[in-house]
Amino acid sequence: DWPKDPETTVVAKDQIAVWLARSIKEARGAVEQAG
């Protein structure tokens, strides 16, 4: 569900906050799982 053009299609503060937190959490998880 990651938007195709996120910088121009996601503009509301609350929606941006959700994606920012989610991306950080998932990035951290990817590093944790990397062997």
Full PDB file with SEQRES, HELIX, SHEET, SSBOND, CRYST1, ORIGX, SCALE, CONECT and MASTER records, all heavy atoms in Angstrom:
SEQRES   1 A   35  ASP TRP PRO LYS ASP PRO GLU THR THR VAL VAL ALA LYS          
SEQRES   2 A   35  ASP GLN ILE ALA VAL TRP LEU ALA ARG SER ILE LYS GLU          
SEQRES   3 A   35  ALA ARG GLY ALA VAL GLU GLN ALA GLY                          
HELIX    1 AA1 PRO A    6  THR A    9  1                                   4    
HELIX    2 AA2 LYS A   13  GLN A   33  1                                  21    
CRYST1    1.000    1.000    1.000  90.00  90.00  90.00 P 1           1          
ORIGX1      1.000000  0.000000  0.000000        0.00000                         
ORIGX2      0.000000  1.000000  0.000000        0.00000                         
ORIGX3      0.000000  0.000000  1.000000        0.00000                         
SCALE1      1.000000  0.000000  0.000000        0.00000                         
SCALE2      0.000000  1.000000  0.000000        0.00000                         
SCALE3      0.000000  0.000000  1.000000        0.00000                         
ATOM      1  N   ASP A   1       0.803  -1.222   0.000  1.00  0.00           N  
ATOM      2  CA  ASP A   1       0.000   0.000   0.000  1.00  0.00           C  
ATOM      3  C   ASP A   1       0.839   1.276   0.000  1.00  0.00           C  
ATOM      4  O   ASP A   1       0.299   2.371   0.187  1.00  0.00           O  
ATOM      5  CB  ASP A   1      -0.964   0.010   1.188  1.00  0.00           C  
ATOM      6  CG  ASP A   1      -0.257  -0.150   2.526  1.00  0.00           C  
ATOM      7  OD1 ASP A   1       0.890  -0.641   2.547  1.00  0.00           O  
ATOM      8  OD2 ASP A   1      -0.852   0.207   3.571  1.00  0.00           O  
ATOM      9  N   TRP A   2       2.141   1.149  -0.197  1.00  0.00           N  
ATOM     10  CA  TRP A   2       2.979   2.350  -0.271  1.00  0.00           C  
ATOM     11  C   TRP A   2       2.604   3.130  -1.534  1.00  0.00           C  
ATOM     12  O   TRP A   2       2.595   2.578  -2.637  1.00  0.00           O  
ATOM     13  CB  TRP A   2       4.458   1.959  -0.307  1.00  0.00           C  
ATOM     14  CG  TRP A   2       5.428   3.090  -0.503  1.00  0.00           C  
ATOM     15  CD1 TRP A   2       6.280   3.253  -1.566  1.00  0.00           C  
ATOM     16  CD2 TRP A   2       5.680   4.212   0.353  1.00  0.00           C  
ATOM     17  NE1 TRP A   2       7.028   4.393  -1.427  1.00  0.00           N  
ATOM     18  CE2 TRP A   2       6.677   5.002  -0.247  1.00  0.00           C  
ATOM     19  CE3 TRP A   2       5.138   4.634   1.568  1.00  0.00           C  
ATOM     20  CZ2 TRP A   2       7.150   6.179   0.326  1.00  0.00           C  
ATOM     21  CZ3 TRP A   2       5.610   5.806   2.141  1.00  0.00           C  
ATOM     22  CH2 TRP A   2       6.609   6.563   1.524  1.00  0.00           C  
ATOM     23  N   PRO A   3       2.272   4.428  -1.424  1.00  0.00           N  
ATOM     24  CA  PRO A   3       1.803   5.193  -2.597  1.00  0.00           C  
ATOM     25  C   PRO A   3       2.868   5.278  -3.702  1.00  0.00           C  
ATOM     26  O   PRO A   3       4.065   5.249  -3.430  1.00  0.00           O  
ATOM     27  CB  PRO A   3       1.502   6.576  -2.022  1.00  0.00           C  
ATOM     28  CG  PRO A   3       1.442   6.411  -0.556  1.00  0.00           C  
ATOM     29  CD  PRO A   3       2.288   5.241  -0.200  1.00  0.00           C  
ATOM     30  N   LYS A   4       2.386   5.417  -4.926  1.00  0.00           N  
ATOM     31  CA  LYS A   4       3.298   5.498  -6.068  1.00  0.00           C  
ATOM     32  C   LYS A   4       4.093   6.794  -6.043  1.00  0.00           C  
ATOM     33  O   LYS A   4       5.273   6.826  -6.355  1.00  0.00           O  
ATOM     34  CB  LYS A   4       2.498   5.379  -7.364  1.00  0.00           C  
ATOM     35  CG  LYS A   4       3.372   5.355  -8.610  1.00  0.00           C  
ATOM     36  CD  LYS A   4       2.536   5.173  -9.867  1.00  0.00           C  
ATOM     37  CE  LYS A   4       3.422   5.161 -11.106  1.00  0.00           C  
ATOM     38  NZ  LYS A   4       2.622   4.982 -12.355  1.00  0.00           N  
ATOM     39  N   ASP A   5       3.447   7.906  -5.707  1.00  0.00           N  
ATOM     40  CA  ASP A   5       4.120   9.204  -5.654  1.00  0.00           C  
ATOM     41  C   ASP A   5       3.848   9.823  -4.287  1.00  0.00           C  
ATOM     42  O   ASP A   5       3.064  10.772  -4.158  1.00  0.00           O  
ATOM     43  CB  ASP A   5       3.599  10.100  -6.786  1.00  0.00           C  
ATOM     44  CG  ASP A   5       4.433  11.361  -6.958  1.00  0.00           C  
ATOM     45  OD1 ASP A   5       5.465  11.488  -6.253  1.00  0.00           O  
ATOM     46  OD2 ASP A   5       4.067  12.227  -7.773  1.00  0.00           O  
ATOM     47  N   PRO A   6       4.484   9.312  -3.253  1.00  0.00           N  
ATOM     48  CA  PRO A   6       4.101   9.663  -1.883  1.00  0.00           C  
ATOM     49  C   PRO A   6       4.272  11.130  -1.513  1.00  0.00           C  
ATOM     50  O   PRO A   6       3.482  11.672  -0.741  1.00  0.00           O  
ATOM     51  CB  PRO A   6       5.010   8.777  -1.025  1.00  0.00           C  
ATOM     52  CG  PRO A   6       6.169   8.444  -1.904  1.00  0.00           C  
ATOM     53  CD  PRO A   6       5.615   8.365  -3.279  1.00  0.00           C  
ATOM     54  N   GLU A   7       5.275  11.787  -2.049  1.00  0.00           N  
ATOM     55  CA  GLU A   7       5.538  13.169  -1.628  1.00  0.00           C  
ATOM     56  C   GLU A   7       4.453  14.141  -2.077  1.00  0.00           C  
ATOM     57  O   GLU A   7       4.268  15.194  -1.455  1.00  0.00           O  
ATOM     58  CB  GLU A   7       6.903  13.625  -2.130  1.00  0.00           C  
ATOM     59  CG  GLU A   7       8.064  12.882  -1.468  1.00  0.00           C  
ATOM     60  CD  GLU A   7       9.422  13.396  -1.924  1.00  0.00           C  
ATOM     61  OE1 GLU A   7       9.528  14.601  -2.267  1.00  0.00           O  
ATOM     62  OE2 GLU A   7      10.374  12.603  -1.950  1.00  0.00           O  
ATOM     63  N   THR A   8       3.740  13.806  -3.155  1.00  0.00           N  
ATOM     64  CA  THR A   8       2.702  14.714  -3.658  1.00  0.00           C  
ATOM     65  C   THR A   8       1.291  14.224  -3.361  1.00  0.00           C  
ATOM     66  O   THR A   8       0.337  15.014  -3.408  1.00  0.00           O  
ATOM     67  CB  THR A   8       2.848  14.916  -5.179  1.00  0.00           C  
ATOM     68  OG1 THR A   8       2.770  13.641  -5.830  1.00  0.00           O  
ATOM     69  CG2 THR A   8       4.182  15.564  -5.513  1.00  0.00           C  
ATOM     70  N   THR A   9       1.159  12.926  -3.050  1.00  0.00           N  
ATOM     71  CA  THR A   9      -0.190  12.394  -2.805  1.00  0.00           C  
ATOM     72  C   THR A   9      -0.534  12.290  -1.318  1.00  0.00           C  
ATOM     73  O   THR A   9      -1.722  12.222  -0.965  1.00  0.00           O  
ATOM     74  CB  THR A   9      -0.355  11.006  -3.451  1.00  0.00           C  
ATOM     75  OG1 THR A   9       0.628  10.114  -2.920  1.00  0.00           O  
ATOM     76  CG2 THR A   9      -0.188  11.090  -4.968  1.00  0.00           C  
ATOM     77  N   VAL A  10       0.461  12.270  -0.455  1.00  0.00           N  
ATOM     78  CA  VAL A  10       0.213  12.224   0.984  1.00  0.00           C  
ATOM     79  C   VAL A  10       0.619  13.585   1.544  1.00  0.00           C  
ATOM     80  O   VAL A  10       1.808  13.903   1.659  1.00  0.00           O  
ATOM     81  CB  VAL A  10       1.012  11.101   1.669  1.00  0.00           C  
ATOM     82  CG1 VAL A  10       0.683  11.052   3.158  1.00  0.00           C  
ATOM     83  CG2 VAL A  10       0.723   9.751   1.016  1.00  0.00           C  
ATOM     84  N   VAL A  11      -0.386  14.424   1.884  1.00  0.00           N  
ATOM     85  CA  VAL A  11      -0.085  15.803   2.270  1.00  0.00           C  
ATOM     86  C   VAL A  11      -0.593  16.182   3.657  1.00  0.00           C  
ATOM     87  O   VAL A  11      -0.146  17.182   4.228  1.00  0.00           O  
ATOM     88  CB  VAL A  11      -0.657  16.794   1.225  1.00  0.00           C  
ATOM     89  CG1 VAL A  11       0.031  16.586  -0.129  1.00  0.00           C  
ATOM     90  CG2 VAL A  11      -2.170  16.634   1.080  1.00  0.00           C  
ATOM     91  N   ALA A  12      -1.522  15.414   4.214  1.00  0.00           N  
ATOM     92  CA  ALA A  12      -2.082  15.745   5.524  1.00  0.00           C  
ATOM     93  C   ALA A  12      -1.100  15.346   6.633  1.00  0.00           C  
ATOM     94  O   ALA A  12      -0.452  14.294   6.562  1.00  0.00           O  
ATOM     95  CB  ALA A  12      -3.417  15.033   5.727  1.00  0.00           C  
ATOM     96  N   LYS A  13      -1.022  16.179   7.660  1.00  0.00           N  
ATOM     97  CA  LYS A  13      -0.063  15.934   8.745  1.00  0.00           C  
ATOM     98  C   LYS A  13      -0.263  14.572   9.403  1.00  0.00           C  
ATOM     99  O   LYS A  13       0.714  13.846   9.639  1.00  0.00           O  
ATOM    100  CB  LYS A  13      -0.178  17.043   9.799  1.00  0.00           C  
ATOM    101  CG  LYS A  13       0.716  16.822  11.015  1.00  0.00           C  
ATOM    102  CD  LYS A  13       0.603  17.950  12.039  1.00  0.00           C  
ATOM    103  CE  LYS A  13       1.435  17.649  13.278  1.00  0.00           C  
ATOM    104  NZ  LYS A  13       1.438  18.767  14.250  1.00  0.00           N  
ATOM    105  N   ASP A  14      -1.497  14.211   9.697  1.00  0.00           N  
ATOM    106  CA  ASP A  14      -1.731  12.940  10.391  1.00  0.00           C  
ATOM    107  C   ASP A  14      -1.361  11.740   9.529  1.00  0.00           C  
ATOM    108  O   ASP A  14      -0.810  10.748  10.028  1.00  0.00           O  
ATOM    109  CB  ASP A  14      -3.183  12.839  10.868  1.00  0.00           C  
ATOM    110  CG  ASP A  14      -4.200  12.993   9.733  1.00  0.00           C  
ATOM    111  OD1 ASP A  14      -3.807  13.416   8.619  1.00  0.00           O  
ATOM    112  OD2 ASP A  14      -5.391  12.680   9.969  1.00  0.00           O  
ATOM    113  N   GLN A  15      -1.623  11.823   8.230  1.00  0.00           N  
ATOM    114  CA  GLN A  15      -1.254  10.725   7.332  1.00  0.00           C  
ATOM    115  C   GLN A  15       0.277  10.616   7.189  1.00  0.00           C  
ATOM    116  O   GLN A  15       0.831   9.513   7.153  1.00  0.00           O  
ATOM    117  CB  GLN A  15      -1.895  10.936   5.954  1.00  0.00           C  
ATOM    118  CG  GLN A  15      -3.411  10.822   5.961  1.00  0.00           C  
ATOM    119  CD  GLN A  15      -4.001  11.106   4.591  1.00  0.00           C  
ATOM    120  OE1 GLN A  15      -3.394  11.765   3.747  1.00  0.00           O  
ATOM    121  NE2 GLN A  15      -5.213  10.601   4.365  1.00  0.00           N  
ATOM    122  N   ILE A  16       0.927  11.757   7.130  1.00  0.00           N  
ATOM    123  CA  ILE A  16       2.389  11.770   7.024  1.00  0.00           C  
ATOM    124  C   ILE A  16       3.008  11.163   8.285  1.00  0.00           C  
ATOM    125  O   ILE A  16       3.960  10.381   8.213  1.00  0.00           O  
ATOM    126  CB  ILE A  16       2.902  13.200   6.787  1.00  0.00           C  
ATOM    127  CG1 ILE A  16       2.506  13.669   5.380  1.00  0.00           C  
ATOM    128  CG2 ILE A  16       4.420  13.280   6.968  1.00  0.00           C  
ATOM    129  CD1 ILE A  16       2.791  15.134   5.088  1.00  0.00           C  
ATOM    130  N   ALA A  17       2.430  11.504   9.441  1.00  0.00           N  
ATOM    131  CA  ALA A  17       2.945  10.966  10.699  1.00  0.00           C  
ATOM    132  C   ALA A  17       2.851   9.438  10.735  1.00  0.00           C  
ATOM    133  O   ALA A  17       3.762   8.754  11.225  1.00  0.00           O  
ATOM    134  CB  ALA A  17       2.185  11.569  11.873  1.00  0.00           C  
ATOM    135  N   VAL A  18       1.751   8.913  10.200  1.00  0.00           N  
ATOM    136  CA  VAL A  18       1.569   7.450  10.167  1.00  0.00           C  
ATOM    137  C   VAL A  18       2.648   6.794   9.307  1.00  0.00           C  
ATOM    138  O   VAL A  18       3.275   5.811   9.709  1.00  0.00           O  
ATOM    139  CB  VAL A  18       0.158   7.093   9.660  1.00  0.00           C  
ATOM    140  CG1 VAL A  18       0.056   5.593   9.365  1.00  0.00           C  
ATOM    141  CG2 VAL A  18      -0.895   7.493  10.678  1.00  0.00           C  
ATOM    142  N   TRP A  19       2.862   7.340   8.109  1.00  0.00           N  
ATOM    143  CA  TRP A  19       3.856   6.749   7.203  1.00  0.00           C  
ATOM    144  C   TRP A  19       5.276   6.914   7.741  1.00  0.00           C  
ATOM    145  O   TRP A  19       6.115   6.012   7.602  1.00  0.00           O  
ATOM    146  CB  TRP A  19       3.741   7.357   5.803  1.00  0.00           C  
ATOM    147  CG  TRP A  19       2.707   6.698   4.956  1.00  0.00           C  
ATOM    148  CD1 TRP A  19       1.556   7.249   4.480  1.00  0.00           C  
ATOM    149  CD2 TRP A  19       2.737   5.351   4.503  1.00  0.00           C  
ATOM    150  NE1 TRP A  19       0.858   6.332   3.748  1.00  0.00           N  
ATOM    151  CE2 TRP A  19       1.562   5.150   3.737  1.00  0.00           C  
ATOM    152  CE3 TRP A  19       3.607   4.282   4.644  1.00  0.00           C  
ATOM    153  CZ2 TRP A  19       1.250   3.924   3.120  1.00  0.00           C  
ATOM    154  CZ3 TRP A  19       3.308   3.064   4.042  1.00  0.00           C  
ATOM    155  CH2 TRP A  19       2.148   2.891   3.292  1.00  0.00           C  
ATOM    156  N   LEU A  20       5.548   8.036   8.363  1.00  0.00           N  
ATOM    157  CA  LEU A  20       6.885   8.261   8.914  1.00  0.00           C  
ATOM    158  C   LEU A  20       7.180   7.234  10.008  1.00  0.00           C  
ATOM    159  O   LEU A  20       8.246   6.579   9.999  1.00  0.00           O  
ATOM    160  CB  LEU A  20       6.987   9.676   9.465  1.00  0.00           C  
ATOM    161  CG  LEU A  20       8.369  10.138   9.946  1.00  0.00           C  
ATOM    162  CD1 LEU A  20       9.387  10.090   8.821  1.00  0.00           C  
ATOM    163  CD2 LEU A  20       8.281  11.547  10.526  1.00  0.00           C  
ATOM    164  N   ALA A  21       6.241   7.055  10.918  1.00  0.00           N  
ATOM    165  CA  ALA A  21       6.432   6.085  12.005  1.00  0.00           C  
ATOM    166  C   ALA A  21       6.508   4.657  11.479  1.00  0.00           C  
ATOM    167  O   ALA A  21       7.345   3.857  11.920  1.00  0.00           O  
ATOM    168  CB  ALA A  21       5.294   6.215  13.017  1.00  0.00           C  
ATOM    169  N   ARG A  22       5.646   4.351  10.520  1.00  0.00           N  
ATOM    170  CA  ARG A  22       5.616   2.982   9.976  1.00  0.00           C  
ATOM    171  C   ARG A  22       6.905   2.653   9.232  1.00  0.00           C  
ATOM    172  O   ARG A  22       7.471   1.566   9.408  1.00  0.00           O  
ATOM    173  CB  ARG A  22       4.400   2.835   9.056  1.00  0.00           C  
ATOM    174  CG  ARG A  22       4.277   1.447   8.449  1.00  0.00           C  
ATOM    175  CD  ARG A  22       3.018   1.344   7.595  1.00  0.00           C  
ATOM    176  NE  ARG A  22       3.009   0.132   6.805  1.00  0.00           N  
ATOM    177  CZ  ARG A  22       2.053  -0.182   5.924  1.00  0.00           C  
ATOM    178  NH1 ARG A  22       1.021   0.634   5.758  1.00  0.00           N  
ATOM    179  NH2 ARG A  22       2.122  -1.308   5.228  1.00  0.00           N  
ATOM    180  N   SER A  23       7.368   3.581   8.419  1.00  0.00           N  
ATOM    181  CA  SER A  23       8.593   3.322   7.635  1.00  0.00           C  
ATOM    182  C   SER A  23       9.800   3.142   8.560  1.00  0.00           C  
ATOM    183  O   SER A  23      10.656   2.279   8.317  1.00  0.00           O  
ATOM    184  CB  SER A  23       8.846   4.453   6.651  1.00  0.00           C  
ATOM    185  OG  SER A  23       9.149   5.668   7.329  1.00  0.00           O  
ATOM    186  N   ILE A  24       9.856   3.939   9.612  1.00  0.00           N  
ATOM    187  CA  ILE A  24      10.974   3.834  10.559  1.00  0.00           C  
ATOM    188  C   ILE A  24      10.929   2.483  11.273  1.00  0.00           C  
ATOM    189  O   ILE A  24      11.957   1.806  11.424  1.00  0.00           O  
ATOM    190  CB  ILE A  24      10.939   5.000  11.558  1.00  0.00           C  
ATOM    191  CG1 ILE A  24      11.367   6.299  10.851  1.00  0.00           C  
ATOM    192  CG2 ILE A  24      11.824   4.722  12.760  1.00  0.00           C  
ATOM    193  CD1 ILE A  24      11.138   7.553  11.660  1.00  0.00           C  
ATOM    194  N   LYS A  25       9.734   2.078  11.697  1.00  0.00           N  
ATOM    195  CA  LYS A  25       9.589   0.792  12.389  1.00  0.00           C  
ATOM    196  C   LYS A  25       9.973  -0.359  11.474  1.00  0.00           C  
ATOM    197  O   LYS A  25      10.698  -1.294  11.895  1.00  0.00           O  
ATOM    198  CB  LYS A  25       8.145   0.632  12.870  1.00  0.00           C  
ATOM    199  CG  LYS A  25       7.899  -0.677  13.610  1.00  0.00           C  
ATOM    200  CD  LYS A  25       6.449  -0.780  14.073  1.00  0.00           C  
ATOM    201  CE  LYS A  25       6.198  -2.105  14.790  1.00  0.00           C  
ATOM    202  NZ  LYS A  25       4.769  -2.214  15.235  1.00  0.00           N  
ATOM    203  N   GLU A  26       9.517  -0.325  10.228  1.00  0.00           N  
ATOM    204  CA  GLU A  26       9.811  -1.412   9.296  1.00  0.00           C  
ATOM    205  C   GLU A  26      11.277  -1.417   8.879  1.00  0.00           C  
ATOM    206  O   GLU A  26      11.866  -2.492   8.678  1.00  0.00           O  
ATOM    207  CB  GLU A  26       8.882  -1.329   8.094  1.00  0.00           C  
ATOM    208  CG  GLU A  26       7.429  -1.626   8.480  1.00  0.00           C  
ATOM    209  CD  GLU A  26       6.450  -1.509   7.326  1.00  0.00           C  
ATOM    210  OE1 GLU A  26       6.879  -1.186   6.193  1.00  0.00           O  
ATOM    211  OE2 GLU A  26       5.247  -1.746   7.541  1.00  0.00           O  
ATOM    212  N   ALA A  27      11.885  -0.241   8.763  1.00  0.00           N  
ATOM    213  CA  ALA A  27      13.309  -0.175   8.430  1.00  0.00           C  
ATOM    214  C   ALA A  27      14.142  -0.765   9.572  1.00  0.00           C  
ATOM    215  O   ALA A  27      15.096  -1.518   9.342  1.00  0.00           O  
ATOM    216  CB  ALA A  27      13.722   1.267   8.172  1.00  0.00           C  
ATOM    217  N   ARG A  28      13.762  -0.433  10.780  1.00  0.00           N  
ATOM    218  CA  ARG A  28      14.483  -0.982  11.933  1.00  0.00           C  
ATOM    219  C   ARG A  28      14.364  -2.500  11.978  1.00  0.00           C  
ATOM    220  O   ARG A  28      15.330  -3.228  12.254  1.00  0.00           O  
ATOM    221  CB  ARG A  28      13.944  -0.382  13.228  1.00  0.00           C  
ATOM    222  CG  ARG A  28      14.882  -0.549  14.415  1.00  0.00           C  
ATOM    223  CD  ARG A  28      14.252  -0.019  15.693  1.00  0.00           C  
ATOM    224  NE  ARG A  28      15.222   0.197  16.746  1.00  0.00           N  
ATOM    225  CZ  ARG A  28      15.787  -0.770  17.472  1.00  0.00           C  
ATOM    226  NH1 ARG A  28      15.458  -2.043  17.239  1.00  0.00           N  
ATOM    227  NH2 ARG A  28      16.661  -0.487  18.408  1.00  0.00           N  
ATOM    228  N   GLY A  29      13.164  -2.991  11.705  1.00  0.00           N  
ATOM    229  CA  GLY A  29      12.943  -4.434  11.690  1.00  0.00           C  
ATOM    230  C   GLY A  29      13.759  -5.137  10.615  1.00  0.00           C  
ATOM    231  O   GLY A  29      14.268  -6.240  10.831  1.00  0.00           O  
ATOM    232  N   ALA A  30      13.901  -4.485   9.452  1.00  0.00           N  
ATOM    233  CA  ALA A  30      14.690  -5.082   8.372  1.00  0.00           C  
ATOM    234  C   ALA A  30      16.155  -5.219   8.769  1.00  0.00           C  
ATOM    235  O   ALA A  30      16.805  -6.223   8.476  1.00  0.00           O  
ATOM    236  CB  ALA A  30      14.557  -4.236   7.105  1.00  0.00           C  
ATOM    237  N   VAL A  31      16.670  -4.208   9.447  1.00  0.00           N  
ATOM    238  CA  VAL A  31      18.064  -4.275   9.897  1.00  0.00           C  
ATOM    239  C   VAL A  31      18.218  -5.350  10.974  1.00  0.00           C  
ATOM    240  O   VAL A  31      19.199  -6.104  10.978  1.00  0.00           O  
ATOM    241  CB  VAL A  31      18.540  -2.909  10.431  1.00  0.00           C  
ATOM    242  CG1 VAL A  31      19.978  -2.996  10.924  1.00  0.00           C  
ATOM    243  CG2 VAL A  31      18.437  -1.846   9.340  1.00  0.00           C  
ATOM    244  N   GLU A  32      17.255  -5.444  11.874  1.00  0.00           N  
ATOM    245  CA  GLU A  32      17.316  -6.461  12.936  1.00  0.00           C  
ATOM    246  C   GLU A  32      17.359  -7.865  12.352  1.00  0.00           C  
ATOM    247  O   GLU A  32      18.053  -8.745  12.861  1.00  0.00           O  
ATOM    248  CB  GLU A  32      16.106  -6.332  13.860  1.00  0.00           C  
ATOM    249  CG  GLU A  32      16.171  -5.145  14.814  1.00  0.00           C  
ATOM    250  CD  GLU A  32      14.931  -5.042  15.682  1.00  0.00           C  
ATOM    251  OE1 GLU A  32      13.883  -5.595  15.274  1.00  0.00           O  
ATOM    252  OE2 GLU A  32      15.004  -4.424  16.753  1.00  0.00           O  
ATOM    253  N   GLN A  33      16.621  -8.092  11.279  1.00  0.00           N  
ATOM    254  CA  GLN A  33      16.512  -9.433  10.699  1.00  0.00           C  
ATOM    255  C   GLN A  33      17.636  -9.746   9.719  1.00  0.00           C  
ATOM    256  O   GLN A  33      17.807 -10.912   9.348  1.00  0.00           O  
ATOM    257  CB  GLN A  33      15.161  -9.578   9.999  1.00  0.00           C  
ATOM    258  CG  GLN A  33      13.965  -9.529  10.949  1.00  0.00           C  
ATOM    259  CD  GLN A  33      12.635  -9.501  10.220  1.00  0.00           C  
ATOM    260  OE1 GLN A  33      12.569  -9.765   9.013  1.00  0.00           O  
ATOM    261  NE2 GLN A  33      11.571  -9.182  10.936  1.00  0.00           N  
ATOM    262  N   ALA A  34      18.390  -8.757   9.296  1.00  0.00           N  
ATOM    263  CA  ALA A  34      19.449  -8.985   8.309  1.00  0.00           C  
ATOM    264  C   ALA A  34      20.546  -9.867   8.900  1.00  0.00           C  
ATOM    265  O   ALA A  34      21.085  -9.580   9.963  1.00  0.00           O  
ATOM    266  CB  ALA A  34      20.034  -7.652   7.845  1.00  0.00           C  
ATOM    267  N   GLY A  35      20.879 -10.952   8.196  1.00  0.00           N  
ATOM    268  CA  GLY A  35      21.936 -11.856   8.641  1.00  0.00           C  
ATOM    269  C   GLY A  35      23.287 -11.451   8.065  1.00  0.00           C  
ATOM    270  O   GLY A  35      23.381 -10.530   7.249  1.00  0.00           O  
TER     271      GLY A  35                                                      
MASTER        0    0    0    2    0    0    0    6  270    1    0    3          
END                                                                             
